[in-house]
Every structure is written in structure tokens, then in C-alpha cells.
N, C-alpha and C. Protein backbone atom coordinates (compact mmCIF):
# COMPACT_ATOMS: atom_id res chain seq x y z
N MET A 1 121.27 125.93 51.42
CA MET A 1 122.56 126.12 50.87
C MET A 1 122.94 124.86 50.07
N ARG A 2 123.59 125.10 48.98
CA ARG A 2 124.05 123.99 48.11
C ARG A 2 122.88 123.04 47.81
N GLY A 3 121.71 123.63 47.60
CA GLY A 3 120.54 122.80 47.23
C GLY A 3 119.80 122.22 48.42
N HIS A 4 120.21 122.51 49.64
CA HIS A 4 119.54 121.96 50.84
C HIS A 4 119.00 123.10 51.68
N ARG A 5 117.87 122.81 52.31
CA ARG A 5 117.30 123.78 53.27
C ARG A 5 118.26 123.83 54.48
N THR A 6 118.58 125.01 54.91
CA THR A 6 119.56 125.15 56.01
C THR A 6 119.04 126.16 57.04
N SER A 7 119.30 125.88 58.29
CA SER A 7 118.99 126.88 59.36
C SER A 7 120.29 127.16 60.08
N VAL A 8 120.36 128.39 60.54
CA VAL A 8 121.58 128.88 61.21
C VAL A 8 121.15 129.49 62.51
N SER A 9 121.86 129.14 63.56
CA SER A 9 121.64 129.74 64.89
C SER A 9 122.70 130.78 65.17
N LEU A 10 122.29 132.01 65.33
CA LEU A 10 123.16 133.10 65.66
C LEU A 10 122.59 133.89 66.79
N GLU A 11 123.39 134.54 67.57
CA GLU A 11 122.95 135.42 68.62
C GLU A 11 122.27 136.62 67.98
N ASP A 12 121.32 137.23 68.73
CA ASP A 12 120.57 138.34 68.19
C ASP A 12 121.43 139.47 67.61
N ALA A 13 122.52 139.81 68.31
CA ALA A 13 123.41 140.87 67.83
C ALA A 13 123.99 140.53 66.50
N PHE A 14 124.36 139.28 66.25
CA PHE A 14 124.91 138.88 64.96
C PHE A 14 123.84 138.92 63.87
N TRP A 15 122.63 138.50 64.19
CA TRP A 15 121.53 138.56 63.20
C TRP A 15 121.27 140.02 62.82
N ARG A 16 121.21 140.92 63.80
CA ARG A 16 120.99 142.34 63.49
C ARG A 16 122.05 142.87 62.59
N ALA A 17 123.34 142.57 62.96
CA ALA A 17 124.44 143.07 62.17
C ALA A 17 124.45 142.45 60.75
N PHE A 18 124.14 141.18 60.62
CA PHE A 18 124.12 140.49 59.34
C PHE A 18 123.05 141.11 58.45
N ARG A 19 121.86 141.36 59.02
CA ARG A 19 120.78 141.99 58.25
C ARG A 19 121.19 143.41 57.81
N GLU A 20 121.84 144.16 58.68
CA GLU A 20 122.30 145.49 58.39
C GLU A 20 123.28 145.50 57.26
N ILE A 21 124.24 144.58 57.28
CA ILE A 21 125.20 144.47 56.20
C ILE A 21 124.53 144.12 54.87
N ALA A 22 123.65 143.15 54.91
CA ALA A 22 122.94 142.74 53.68
C ALA A 22 122.14 143.91 53.11
N ALA A 23 121.44 144.65 53.96
CA ALA A 23 120.66 145.78 53.50
C ALA A 23 121.57 146.87 52.90
N ALA A 24 122.66 147.14 53.56
CA ALA A 24 123.60 148.17 53.05
C ALA A 24 124.16 147.81 51.69
N GLU A 25 124.29 146.52 51.43
CA GLU A 25 124.82 146.02 50.16
C GLU A 25 123.74 145.75 49.15
N GLY A 26 122.44 145.97 49.54
CA GLY A 26 121.34 145.76 48.63
C GLY A 26 121.12 144.30 48.31
N ARG A 27 121.39 143.42 49.28
CA ARG A 27 121.30 141.99 49.07
C ARG A 27 120.34 141.40 50.08
N THR A 28 119.94 140.17 49.81
CA THR A 28 119.13 139.44 50.80
C THR A 28 120.10 138.70 51.74
N ILE A 29 119.59 138.36 52.96
CA ILE A 29 120.44 137.59 53.87
C ILE A 29 120.69 136.20 53.30
N ASN A 30 119.71 135.67 52.58
CA ASN A 30 119.89 134.35 51.98
C ASN A 30 121.00 134.34 50.93
N GLY A 31 120.99 135.37 50.08
CA GLY A 31 122.03 135.50 49.04
C GLY A 31 123.43 135.68 49.66
N LEU A 32 123.50 136.50 50.66
CA LEU A 32 124.77 136.73 51.32
C LEU A 32 125.25 135.47 52.05
N ALA A 33 124.32 134.79 52.71
CA ALA A 33 124.69 133.53 53.38
C ALA A 33 125.16 132.48 52.39
N ALA A 34 124.51 132.43 51.23
CA ALA A 34 124.94 131.47 50.18
C ALA A 34 126.37 131.76 49.73
N GLU A 35 126.71 133.05 49.56
CA GLU A 35 128.05 133.42 49.17
C GLU A 35 129.08 133.02 50.23
N ILE A 36 128.73 133.28 51.49
CA ILE A 36 129.61 132.91 52.57
C ILE A 36 129.76 131.41 52.62
N ASP A 37 128.65 130.68 52.42
CA ASP A 37 128.67 129.21 52.43
C ASP A 37 129.63 128.67 51.39
N GLU A 38 129.65 129.28 50.20
CA GLU A 38 130.52 128.77 49.13
C GLU A 38 131.97 128.88 49.48
N GLY A 39 132.39 129.86 50.28
CA GLY A 39 133.78 130.08 50.57
C GLY A 39 134.24 129.68 51.93
N ARG A 40 133.39 128.93 52.67
CA ARG A 40 133.69 128.70 54.09
C ARG A 40 134.64 127.52 54.34
N GLY A 41 134.77 126.62 53.42
CA GLY A 41 135.61 125.45 53.66
C GLY A 41 135.04 124.54 54.71
N ASP A 42 135.85 124.14 55.66
CA ASP A 42 135.43 123.20 56.71
C ASP A 42 134.80 123.87 57.94
N VAL A 43 134.74 125.20 57.96
CA VAL A 43 134.18 125.92 59.07
C VAL A 43 132.65 125.87 59.02
N GLY A 44 132.02 125.77 60.17
CA GLY A 44 130.56 125.79 60.22
C GLY A 44 129.99 127.09 59.67
N LEU A 45 128.81 127.03 59.12
CA LEU A 45 128.20 128.21 58.50
C LEU A 45 127.99 129.30 59.52
N ALA A 46 127.48 129.01 60.68
CA ALA A 46 127.24 130.04 61.71
C ALA A 46 128.57 130.73 62.08
N SER A 47 129.62 129.95 62.25
CA SER A 47 130.95 130.55 62.58
C SER A 47 131.42 131.42 61.45
N ALA A 48 131.24 130.95 60.20
CA ALA A 48 131.68 131.74 59.04
C ALA A 48 130.90 133.05 58.94
N ILE A 49 129.63 133.04 59.28
CA ILE A 49 128.83 134.30 59.26
C ILE A 49 129.33 135.22 60.36
N ARG A 50 129.61 134.69 61.53
CA ARG A 50 130.10 135.54 62.63
C ARG A 50 131.46 136.20 62.22
N VAL A 51 132.34 135.41 61.62
CA VAL A 51 133.64 136.00 61.17
C VAL A 51 133.41 137.04 60.12
N PHE A 52 132.50 136.78 59.18
CA PHE A 52 132.16 137.76 58.15
C PHE A 52 131.69 139.08 58.78
N VAL A 53 130.76 138.97 59.69
CA VAL A 53 130.22 140.18 60.34
C VAL A 53 131.32 140.95 61.07
N LEU A 54 132.13 140.23 61.81
CA LEU A 54 133.25 140.89 62.53
C LEU A 54 134.21 141.59 61.58
N ARG A 55 134.53 140.94 60.46
CA ARG A 55 135.43 141.56 59.47
C ARG A 55 134.81 142.80 58.86
N GLN A 56 133.51 142.72 58.60
CA GLN A 56 132.83 143.91 58.03
C GLN A 56 132.89 145.09 58.96
N PHE A 57 132.70 144.84 60.25
CA PHE A 57 132.72 145.95 61.20
C PHE A 57 134.09 146.42 61.58
N THR A 58 135.12 145.56 61.49
CA THR A 58 136.45 146.03 61.79
C THR A 58 137.09 146.77 60.65
N LYS A 59 136.61 146.56 59.41
CA LYS A 59 137.19 147.30 58.30
C LYS A 59 136.48 148.64 58.09
N SER A 60 135.43 148.88 58.80
CA SER A 60 134.67 150.16 58.69
C SER A 60 135.42 151.27 59.37
């Protein structure tokens, strides 16, 4: 992210959901993570991804 190699630790359920969302949108998880990273502010990337996943599932 932002030109640096990044690793993210998420629980299996969040990884599955994140991959499902990316696939449904025709995107890669790296591309989607980069977009989330750009808008996350001071929040950690893993937390921002969890919030993103929860928001996607609650708006469905």
C-alpha cells in the first residue's frame, strides 16, 4: 500500500467475506484493499477492512 509491501491479519471469516466482495465487484483483493487504505485515515488497515466488510453485508 502506498508504495510499500503490506500484510494484513484478518480472521478467516473476514478473509472469506472480503474475497467474496472483491469477486462480486470484479476486483482483486489488492485493488480493493488499496482503495480502503486510501480512505482509512488514522484507523489500522485491518480494522478498516473489517468495517468495510461489515458495511457491505449490512447494506445487503
